[in-house]
N, C-alpha and C. Protein backbone atom coordinates (compact mmCIF):
# COMPACT_ATOMS: atom_id res chain seq x y z
N MET A 1 -27.07 -13.91 9.17
CA MET A 1 -26.02 -13.20 8.46
C MET A 1 -26.36 -11.72 8.46
N ILE A 2 -25.36 -10.91 8.73
CA ILE A 2 -25.54 -9.46 8.77
C ILE A 2 -24.62 -8.82 7.74
N LEU A 3 -25.16 -7.93 6.94
CA LEU A 3 -24.37 -7.05 6.09
C LEU A 3 -25.17 -5.77 5.94
N ARG A 4 -24.72 -4.73 6.64
CA ARG A 4 -25.39 -3.42 6.61
C ARG A 4 -24.39 -2.37 6.17
N GLN A 5 -24.77 -1.58 5.18
CA GLN A 5 -23.93 -0.49 4.70
C GLN A 5 -24.28 0.78 5.46
N VAL A 6 -23.24 1.52 5.84
CA VAL A 6 -23.40 2.83 6.47
C VAL A 6 -22.65 3.81 5.58
N THR A 7 -23.36 4.81 5.07
CA THR A 7 -22.71 5.75 4.15
C THR A 7 -22.31 7.03 4.87
N HIS A 8 -21.31 7.65 4.34
CA HIS A 8 -20.86 8.97 4.78
C HIS A 8 -21.07 9.86 3.57
N ASP A 9 -22.27 10.41 3.46
CA ASP A 9 -22.68 11.10 2.24
C ASP A 9 -21.79 12.28 1.86
N ASP A 10 -21.23 12.99 2.85
CA ASP A 10 -20.38 14.14 2.54
C ASP A 10 -19.14 13.72 1.75
N LEU A 11 -18.62 12.52 2.03
CA LEU A 11 -17.39 12.07 1.39
C LEU A 11 -17.63 11.02 0.31
N GLY A 12 -18.84 10.53 0.21
CA GLY A 12 -19.12 9.48 -0.76
C GLY A 12 -18.51 8.14 -0.38
N CYS A 13 -18.25 7.95 0.91
CA CYS A 13 -17.63 6.71 1.39
C CYS A 13 -18.68 5.81 2.03
N ALA A 14 -18.35 4.54 2.10
CA ALA A 14 -19.24 3.58 2.76
C ALA A 14 -18.43 2.75 3.74
N SER A 15 -19.10 2.35 4.80
CA SER A 15 -18.54 1.39 5.75
C SER A 15 -19.58 0.30 5.92
N TYR A 16 -19.19 -0.76 6.60
CA TYR A 16 -20.08 -1.91 6.72
C TYR A 16 -19.99 -2.52 8.10
N ILE A 17 -21.12 -3.04 8.56
CA ILE A 17 -21.11 -3.91 9.73
C ILE A 17 -21.50 -5.29 9.18
N VAL A 18 -20.64 -6.27 9.45
CA VAL A 18 -20.76 -7.62 8.92
C VAL A 18 -20.71 -8.58 10.08
N GLY A 19 -21.52 -9.64 10.05
CA GLY A 19 -21.42 -10.60 11.13
C GLY A 19 -22.43 -11.71 11.05
N ASP A 20 -22.54 -12.40 12.15
CA ASP A 20 -23.45 -13.53 12.29
C ASP A 20 -24.30 -13.26 13.52
N ASP A 21 -25.57 -12.92 13.29
CA ASP A 21 -26.44 -12.60 14.41
C ASP A 21 -26.72 -13.82 15.29
N SER A 22 -26.72 -15.02 14.73
CA SER A 22 -26.96 -16.20 15.55
C SER A 22 -25.75 -16.49 16.46
N ALA A 23 -24.56 -16.10 16.06
CA ALA A 23 -23.37 -16.26 16.89
C ALA A 23 -23.12 -15.04 17.77
N GLY A 24 -23.80 -13.93 17.47
CA GLY A 24 -23.68 -12.71 18.27
C GLY A 24 -22.40 -11.93 18.07
N VAL A 25 -21.75 -12.10 16.89
CA VAL A 25 -20.47 -11.41 16.64
C VAL A 25 -20.54 -10.60 15.35
N ALA A 26 -19.77 -9.51 15.33
CA ALA A 26 -19.73 -8.65 14.15
C ALA A 26 -18.38 -7.97 14.02
N ALA A 27 -18.15 -7.44 12.82
CA ALA A 27 -16.97 -6.63 12.53
C ALA A 27 -17.45 -5.39 11.80
N VAL A 28 -16.70 -4.31 11.92
CA VAL A 28 -16.98 -3.09 11.16
C VAL A 28 -15.81 -2.88 10.21
N VAL A 29 -16.13 -2.64 8.94
CA VAL A 29 -15.13 -2.39 7.91
C VAL A 29 -15.16 -0.90 7.57
N ASP A 30 -14.00 -0.26 7.67
CA ASP A 30 -13.82 1.16 7.35
C ASP A 30 -14.75 2.09 8.12
N PRO A 31 -14.70 2.04 9.45
CA PRO A 31 -15.63 2.88 10.23
C PRO A 31 -15.39 4.37 10.03
N ARG A 32 -16.49 5.10 9.92
CA ARG A 32 -16.38 6.55 9.87
C ARG A 32 -16.10 7.07 11.29
N PHE A 33 -15.76 8.36 11.39
CA PHE A 33 -15.38 8.94 12.68
C PHE A 33 -16.51 8.88 13.69
N GLU A 34 -17.74 9.16 13.25
CA GLU A 34 -18.89 9.13 14.14
C GLU A 34 -19.32 7.67 14.31
N ILE A 35 -19.10 7.09 15.49
CA ILE A 35 -19.28 5.65 15.69
C ILE A 35 -20.63 5.26 16.27
N ASP A 36 -21.45 6.22 16.68
CA ASP A 36 -22.72 5.88 17.33
C ASP A 36 -23.60 4.97 16.48
N VAL A 37 -23.57 5.13 15.17
CA VAL A 37 -24.42 4.31 14.31
C VAL A 37 -24.05 2.83 14.44
N TYR A 38 -22.76 2.50 14.58
CA TYR A 38 -22.34 1.10 14.71
C TYR A 38 -22.77 0.53 16.07
N LEU A 39 -22.63 1.35 17.10
CA LEU A 39 -23.03 0.90 18.44
C LEU A 39 -24.53 0.66 18.50
N GLU A 40 -25.31 1.55 17.86
CA GLU A 40 -26.76 1.38 17.83
C GLU A 40 -27.16 0.15 17.02
N LEU A 41 -26.53 -0.05 15.87
CA LEU A 41 -26.84 -1.23 15.06
C LEU A 41 -26.49 -2.52 15.80
N ALA A 42 -25.35 -2.53 16.47
CA ALA A 42 -24.94 -3.73 17.22
C ALA A 42 -25.94 -4.04 18.32
N ARG A 43 -26.40 -3.00 19.03
CA ARG A 43 -27.42 -3.21 20.07
C ARG A 43 -28.71 -3.73 19.46
N PHE A 44 -29.14 -3.13 18.38
CA PHE A 44 -30.38 -3.52 17.71
C PHE A 44 -30.31 -4.97 17.22
N MET A 45 -29.16 -5.38 16.67
CA MET A 45 -29.02 -6.72 16.11
C MET A 45 -28.53 -7.74 17.15
N ASN A 46 -28.29 -7.26 18.38
CA ASN A 46 -27.86 -8.12 19.47
C ASN A 46 -26.55 -8.85 19.16
N VAL A 47 -25.57 -8.07 18.66
CA VAL A 47 -24.23 -8.61 18.37
C VAL A 47 -23.19 -7.75 19.07
N HIS A 48 -22.02 -8.35 19.29
CA HIS A 48 -20.89 -7.63 19.86
C HIS A 48 -19.87 -7.38 18.75
N ILE A 49 -19.44 -6.13 18.61
CA ILE A 49 -18.42 -5.78 17.62
C ILE A 49 -17.07 -6.21 18.19
N GLU A 50 -16.49 -7.25 17.59
CA GLU A 50 -15.22 -7.80 18.07
C GLU A 50 -14.03 -7.44 17.21
N HIS A 51 -14.28 -6.99 15.97
CA HIS A 51 -13.18 -6.69 15.05
C HIS A 51 -13.49 -5.44 14.25
N ILE A 52 -12.43 -4.72 13.92
CA ILE A 52 -12.51 -3.54 13.06
C ILE A 52 -11.49 -3.75 11.96
N LEU A 53 -11.92 -3.69 10.71
CA LEU A 53 -11.04 -3.91 9.58
C LEU A 53 -10.94 -2.64 8.76
N GLU A 54 -9.72 -2.30 8.39
CA GLU A 54 -9.50 -1.15 7.51
C GLU A 54 -9.03 -1.67 6.16
N THR A 55 -9.64 -1.16 5.08
CA THR A 55 -9.17 -1.53 3.75
C THR A 55 -7.85 -0.84 3.42
N HIS A 56 -7.61 0.31 4.06
CA HIS A 56 -6.39 1.08 3.83
C HIS A 56 -6.36 2.25 4.81
N ASN A 57 -5.21 2.94 4.86
CA ASN A 57 -5.15 4.19 5.62
C ASN A 57 -5.93 5.23 4.82
N HIS A 58 -6.73 6.00 5.51
CA HIS A 58 -7.63 6.94 4.85
C HIS A 58 -7.05 8.35 4.88
N ALA A 59 -6.54 8.81 3.75
CA ALA A 59 -5.97 10.15 3.66
C ALA A 59 -7.05 11.21 3.48
N ASP A 60 -8.25 10.79 3.06
CA ASP A 60 -9.30 11.75 2.76
C ASP A 60 -10.29 11.97 3.90
N HIS A 61 -10.21 11.18 4.96
CA HIS A 61 -11.08 11.37 6.12
C HIS A 61 -10.48 10.67 7.33
N VAL A 62 -11.02 10.98 8.49
CA VAL A 62 -10.52 10.38 9.74
C VAL A 62 -11.34 9.14 10.05
N SER A 63 -10.65 8.04 10.26
CA SER A 63 -11.32 6.79 10.61
C SER A 63 -11.76 6.83 12.07
N GLY A 64 -12.82 6.13 12.36
CA GLY A 64 -13.29 5.99 13.73
C GLY A 64 -12.78 4.74 14.41
N HIS A 65 -11.76 4.07 13.81
CA HIS A 65 -11.33 2.79 14.36
C HIS A 65 -10.86 2.89 15.81
N GLY A 66 -10.15 3.93 16.17
CA GLY A 66 -9.65 4.08 17.54
C GLY A 66 -10.79 4.27 18.54
N ARG A 67 -11.73 5.13 18.18
CA ARG A 67 -12.88 5.38 19.06
C ARG A 67 -13.74 4.13 19.20
N LEU A 68 -13.92 3.41 18.10
CA LEU A 68 -14.74 2.20 18.13
C LEU A 68 -14.05 1.09 18.93
N ALA A 69 -12.73 1.00 18.82
CA ALA A 69 -11.99 -0.01 19.60
C ALA A 69 -12.11 0.27 21.09
N VAL A 70 -12.02 1.53 21.48
CA VAL A 70 -12.16 1.89 22.90
C VAL A 70 -13.57 1.58 23.38
N ALA A 71 -14.58 1.88 22.58
CA ALA A 71 -15.97 1.68 22.98
C ALA A 71 -16.37 0.21 23.07
N THR A 72 -15.72 -0.65 22.28
CA THR A 72 -16.16 -2.05 22.18
C THR A 72 -15.12 -3.07 22.65
N GLY A 73 -13.86 -2.66 22.73
CA GLY A 73 -12.79 -3.63 23.03
C GLY A 73 -12.38 -4.42 21.80
N ALA A 74 -12.86 -4.02 20.62
CA ALA A 74 -12.57 -4.74 19.38
C ALA A 74 -11.09 -4.60 18.99
N THR A 75 -10.62 -5.57 18.23
CA THR A 75 -9.26 -5.57 17.68
C THR A 75 -9.29 -4.90 16.31
N ILE A 76 -8.32 -4.02 16.07
CA ILE A 76 -8.18 -3.36 14.77
C ILE A 76 -7.25 -4.19 13.91
N HIS A 77 -7.64 -4.40 12.64
CA HIS A 77 -6.83 -5.15 11.68
C HIS A 77 -6.60 -4.28 10.45
N ILE A 78 -5.35 -4.27 9.96
CA ILE A 78 -5.02 -3.58 8.71
C ILE A 78 -3.84 -4.31 8.09
N HIS A 79 -3.73 -4.24 6.77
CA HIS A 79 -2.65 -4.94 6.06
C HIS A 79 -1.29 -4.52 6.59
N ARG A 80 -0.40 -5.46 6.63
CA ARG A 80 0.96 -5.24 7.14
C ARG A 80 1.67 -4.08 6.44
N LEU A 81 1.44 -3.89 5.14
CA LEU A 81 2.12 -2.83 4.40
C LEU A 81 1.72 -1.42 4.84
N ALA A 82 0.64 -1.31 5.60
CA ALA A 82 0.22 0.01 6.10
C ALA A 82 1.22 0.55 7.11
N GLU A 83 1.98 -0.36 7.74
CA GLU A 83 2.94 0.03 8.79
C GLU A 83 2.28 0.97 9.79
N ALA A 84 1.08 0.60 10.23
CA ALA A 84 0.30 1.43 11.15
C ALA A 84 1.03 1.62 12.47
N ARG A 85 0.92 2.81 13.02
CA ARG A 85 1.57 3.15 14.28
C ARG A 85 0.61 3.13 15.46
N TYR A 86 -0.57 2.60 15.26
CA TYR A 86 -1.53 2.44 16.34
C TYR A 86 -1.65 0.94 16.65
N GLU A 87 -2.23 0.63 17.80
CA GLU A 87 -2.36 -0.77 18.19
C GLU A 87 -3.28 -1.49 17.21
N HIS A 88 -2.77 -2.60 16.66
CA HIS A 88 -3.53 -3.35 15.66
C HIS A 88 -2.91 -4.73 15.49
N GLU A 89 -3.61 -5.58 14.77
CA GLU A 89 -3.07 -6.87 14.34
C GLU A 89 -2.93 -6.81 12.83
N PRO A 90 -1.70 -6.88 12.32
CA PRO A 90 -1.52 -6.82 10.87
C PRO A 90 -1.94 -8.14 10.22
N PHE A 91 -2.34 -8.05 8.97
CA PHE A 91 -2.65 -9.26 8.21
C PHE A 91 -1.99 -9.20 6.85
N ASP A 92 -1.97 -10.32 6.17
CA ASP A 92 -1.43 -10.44 4.82
C ASP A 92 -2.51 -10.95 3.88
N ASP A 93 -2.22 -10.95 2.60
CA ASP A 93 -3.13 -11.47 1.60
C ASP A 93 -3.55 -12.89 1.95
N GLY A 94 -4.84 -13.17 1.87
CA GLY A 94 -5.35 -14.50 2.16
C GLY A 94 -5.78 -14.74 3.59
N TRP A 95 -5.45 -13.80 4.48
CA TRP A 95 -5.87 -13.92 5.89
C TRP A 95 -7.38 -14.04 5.95
N GLU A 96 -7.87 -14.85 6.88
CA GLU A 96 -9.31 -15.02 7.04
C GLU A 96 -9.75 -14.72 8.45
N LEU A 97 -10.92 -14.11 8.56
CA LEU A 97 -11.54 -13.81 9.84
C LEU A 97 -12.90 -14.48 9.86
N GLU A 98 -13.13 -15.33 10.86
CA GLU A 98 -14.40 -16.02 10.99
C GLU A 98 -15.27 -15.30 12.01
N LEU A 99 -16.48 -15.03 11.61
CA LEU A 99 -17.49 -14.42 12.47
C LEU A 99 -18.68 -15.38 12.47
N GLY A 100 -18.65 -16.40 13.29
CA GLY A 100 -19.66 -17.44 13.24
C GLY A 100 -19.58 -18.15 11.91
N SER A 101 -20.68 -18.14 11.15
CA SER A 101 -20.70 -18.81 9.84
C SER A 101 -20.20 -17.92 8.70
N VAL A 102 -19.92 -16.67 8.99
CA VAL A 102 -19.46 -15.71 7.98
C VAL A 102 -17.94 -15.65 8.00
N VAL A 103 -17.34 -15.67 6.82
CA VAL A 103 -15.88 -15.60 6.70
C VAL A 103 -15.53 -14.42 5.80
N LEU A 104 -14.61 -13.58 6.28
CA LEU A 104 -14.07 -12.49 5.47
C LEU A 104 -12.63 -12.87 5.12
N ARG A 105 -12.31 -12.87 3.83
CA ARG A 105 -10.95 -13.19 3.38
C ARG A 105 -10.31 -11.95 2.77
N ALA A 106 -9.09 -11.65 3.22
CA ALA A 106 -8.36 -10.49 2.72
C ALA A 106 -7.85 -10.75 1.31
N LEU A 107 -8.12 -9.82 0.43
CA LEU A 107 -7.64 -9.88 -0.95
C LEU A 107 -6.85 -8.59 -1.20
N HIS A 108 -5.53 -8.71 -1.17
CA HIS A 108 -4.65 -7.55 -1.32
C HIS A 108 -4.87 -6.95 -2.71
N THR A 109 -5.28 -5.67 -2.75
CA THR A 109 -5.61 -4.98 -4.00
C THR A 109 -4.88 -3.63 -4.05
N PRO A 110 -3.54 -3.64 -4.10
CA PRO A 110 -2.81 -2.37 -4.11
C PRO A 110 -3.17 -1.55 -5.35
N GLY A 111 -3.06 -0.26 -5.19
CA GLY A 111 -3.40 0.67 -6.28
C GLY A 111 -3.80 1.99 -5.68
N HIS A 112 -4.95 2.02 -5.02
CA HIS A 112 -5.37 3.25 -4.33
C HIS A 112 -4.35 3.59 -3.25
N ARG A 113 -3.91 2.59 -2.53
CA ARG A 113 -2.82 2.68 -1.55
C ARG A 113 -2.05 1.36 -1.65
N PRO A 114 -0.76 1.35 -1.31
CA PRO A 114 -0.01 0.09 -1.38
C PRO A 114 -0.60 -1.02 -0.52
N GLU A 115 -1.20 -0.68 0.62
CA GLU A 115 -1.76 -1.67 1.52
C GLU A 115 -3.22 -2.01 1.23
N HIS A 116 -3.82 -1.35 0.25
CA HIS A 116 -5.26 -1.51 0.04
C HIS A 116 -5.65 -2.98 -0.06
N THR A 117 -6.73 -3.31 0.62
CA THR A 117 -7.23 -4.68 0.68
C THR A 117 -8.74 -4.68 0.54
N ALA A 118 -9.25 -5.57 -0.27
CA ALA A 118 -10.69 -5.81 -0.35
C ALA A 118 -10.99 -7.02 0.54
N PHE A 119 -12.23 -7.17 0.93
CA PHE A 119 -12.63 -8.31 1.75
C PHE A 119 -13.72 -9.09 1.03
N VAL A 120 -13.44 -10.36 0.78
CA VAL A 120 -14.36 -11.27 0.11
C VAL A 120 -15.19 -11.96 1.19
N LEU A 121 -16.52 -11.92 1.05
CA LEU A 121 -17.41 -12.51 2.04
C LEU A 121 -17.96 -13.85 1.55
N THR A 122 -17.90 -14.81 2.44
CA THR A 122 -18.53 -16.10 2.20
C THR A 122 -19.33 -16.46 3.44
N GLU A 123 -20.26 -17.39 3.25
CA GLU A 123 -21.05 -17.87 4.39
C GLU A 123 -21.22 -19.37 4.21
N ARG A 124 -20.92 -20.11 5.27
CA ARG A 124 -21.01 -21.57 5.19
C ARG A 124 -22.41 -22.02 4.76
N GLY A 125 -23.44 -21.37 5.21
CA GLY A 125 -24.80 -21.74 4.86
C GLY A 125 -25.14 -21.51 3.40
N ARG A 126 -24.32 -20.76 2.69
CA ARG A 126 -24.53 -20.50 1.26
C ARG A 126 -23.60 -21.34 0.40
N GLY A 127 -23.01 -22.36 0.99
CA GLY A 127 -22.15 -23.26 0.22
C GLY A 127 -20.69 -22.85 0.17
N GLY A 128 -20.32 -21.79 0.83
CA GLY A 128 -18.92 -21.40 0.87
C GLY A 128 -18.42 -20.62 -0.32
N GLU A 129 -19.27 -20.36 -1.30
CA GLU A 129 -18.85 -19.57 -2.46
C GLU A 129 -18.93 -18.08 -2.11
N PRO A 130 -17.98 -17.27 -2.58
CA PRO A 130 -18.05 -15.83 -2.33
C PRO A 130 -19.35 -15.25 -2.89
N TRP A 131 -19.93 -14.31 -2.14
CA TRP A 131 -21.17 -13.69 -2.60
C TRP A 131 -21.13 -12.17 -2.51
N ALA A 132 -20.05 -11.62 -1.94
CA ALA A 132 -19.90 -10.16 -1.90
C ALA A 132 -18.42 -9.82 -1.74
N VAL A 133 -18.07 -8.63 -2.21
CA VAL A 133 -16.72 -8.10 -2.03
C VAL A 133 -16.86 -6.67 -1.53
N LEU A 134 -16.19 -6.37 -0.42
CA LEU A 134 -16.15 -5.01 0.10
C LEU A 134 -14.84 -4.42 -0.42
N SER A 135 -14.94 -3.52 -1.38
CA SER A 135 -13.76 -3.08 -2.14
C SER A 135 -13.12 -1.80 -1.62
N GLY A 136 -13.62 -1.24 -0.52
CA GLY A 136 -13.01 -0.02 0.00
C GLY A 136 -13.06 1.09 -1.03
N ASP A 137 -11.96 1.81 -1.17
CA ASP A 137 -11.91 2.94 -2.11
C ASP A 137 -11.24 2.57 -3.43
N SER A 138 -11.37 1.32 -3.86
CA SER A 138 -10.79 0.95 -5.15
C SER A 138 -11.82 0.90 -6.26
N LEU A 139 -13.07 0.57 -5.92
CA LEU A 139 -14.15 0.53 -6.92
C LEU A 139 -15.33 1.35 -6.42
N PHE A 140 -15.88 2.12 -7.33
CA PHE A 140 -17.06 2.93 -7.04
C PHE A 140 -18.08 2.70 -8.14
N VAL A 141 -19.30 3.09 -7.92
CA VAL A 141 -20.30 2.97 -8.96
C VAL A 141 -19.89 3.87 -10.12
N GLY A 142 -19.56 3.28 -11.25
CA GLY A 142 -19.17 4.03 -12.44
C GLY A 142 -17.77 4.62 -12.41
N ASP A 143 -16.91 4.21 -11.47
CA ASP A 143 -15.58 4.81 -11.37
C ASP A 143 -14.64 3.88 -10.61
N VAL A 144 -13.38 4.24 -10.60
CA VAL A 144 -12.38 3.54 -9.79
C VAL A 144 -11.66 4.55 -8.93
N GLY A 145 -11.05 4.09 -7.84
CA GLY A 145 -10.32 4.98 -6.95
C GLY A 145 -9.01 5.43 -7.58
N THR A 146 -8.59 6.63 -7.21
CA THR A 146 -7.31 7.13 -7.71
C THR A 146 -6.17 6.54 -6.91
N TRP A 147 -5.01 6.56 -7.48
CA TRP A 147 -3.81 6.11 -6.79
C TRP A 147 -3.35 7.25 -5.91
N VAL A 148 -3.01 6.96 -4.65
CA VAL A 148 -2.63 8.00 -3.71
C VAL A 148 -1.24 7.70 -3.17
N ARG A 149 -0.36 8.72 -3.16
CA ARG A 149 0.97 8.57 -2.61
C ARG A 149 1.17 9.64 -1.56
N ALA A 150 1.51 9.22 -0.36
CA ALA A 150 1.76 10.15 0.75
C ALA A 150 0.60 11.11 0.95
N GLY A 151 -0.61 10.61 0.73
CA GLY A 151 -1.79 11.43 1.00
C GLY A 151 -2.17 12.38 -0.11
N HIS A 152 -1.46 12.35 -1.24
CA HIS A 152 -1.77 13.26 -2.33
C HIS A 152 -2.20 12.47 -3.55
N PRO A 153 -3.39 12.73 -4.07
CA PRO A 153 -3.82 11.99 -5.26
C PRO A 153 -2.99 12.36 -6.48
N VAL A 154 -2.78 11.40 -7.32
CA VAL A 154 -2.07 11.61 -8.57
C VAL A 154 -3.12 11.74 -9.66
N GLU A 155 -2.99 12.77 -10.48
CA GLU A 155 -3.97 12.99 -11.55
C GLU A 155 -3.96 11.81 -12.51
N ARG A 156 -5.16 11.39 -12.91
CA ARG A 156 -5.29 10.31 -13.88
C ARG A 156 -5.48 10.90 -15.26
N SER A 157 -4.93 10.23 -16.24
CA SER A 157 -5.17 10.61 -17.63
C SER A 157 -6.41 9.89 -18.11
N LEU A 158 -7.36 10.63 -18.64
CA LEU A 158 -8.56 10.01 -19.19
C LEU A 158 -8.35 9.69 -20.65
N PRO A 159 -8.97 8.63 -21.12
CA PRO A 159 -8.90 8.35 -22.56
C PRO A 159 -9.47 9.55 -23.33
N ALA A 160 -8.99 9.73 -24.56
CA ALA A 160 -9.37 10.89 -25.37
C ALA A 160 -10.87 11.07 -25.48
N ASP A 161 -11.64 9.97 -25.57
CA ASP A 161 -13.08 10.11 -25.74
C ASP A 161 -13.81 10.50 -24.47
N ASP A 162 -13.12 10.49 -23.30
CA ASP A 162 -13.72 10.89 -22.03
C ASP A 162 -13.36 12.32 -21.62
N GLN A 163 -12.51 12.99 -22.40
CA GLN A 163 -12.07 14.33 -22.02
C GLN A 163 -13.00 15.38 -22.56
């Protein structure tokens, strides 16, 4: 089982490479623009990146999904509500992607963006119970993501004791 976090420290964002090293397959969730780290990790772990998953359209940075798809031949997946204009396979709530013994299930979590989706991870060898959630830009350590409309964040009102 593979789960490696790749951070983009300038933006405070994280992406992930998830997969099954015994099956030799992996997916990248929310790839940053600079894709070399994913290619190096895949070579090191002896897996092929076959899928790229986006939790949402990223208004705050440029995704590397197009560059990674060209470099690997991977399929890009994003929620149907994103109405993406690039080549991709849309998914809906509950869609599942199997990577050997690892399963990622789409959990539609609108709020940060209408199409925002978290991915629930399970592994057959762990009894099939969820053991991780990749929440994209909806949950952060000590915070939650803002709601974004047409690429512009909407100011949040803080409770009186937080102002």
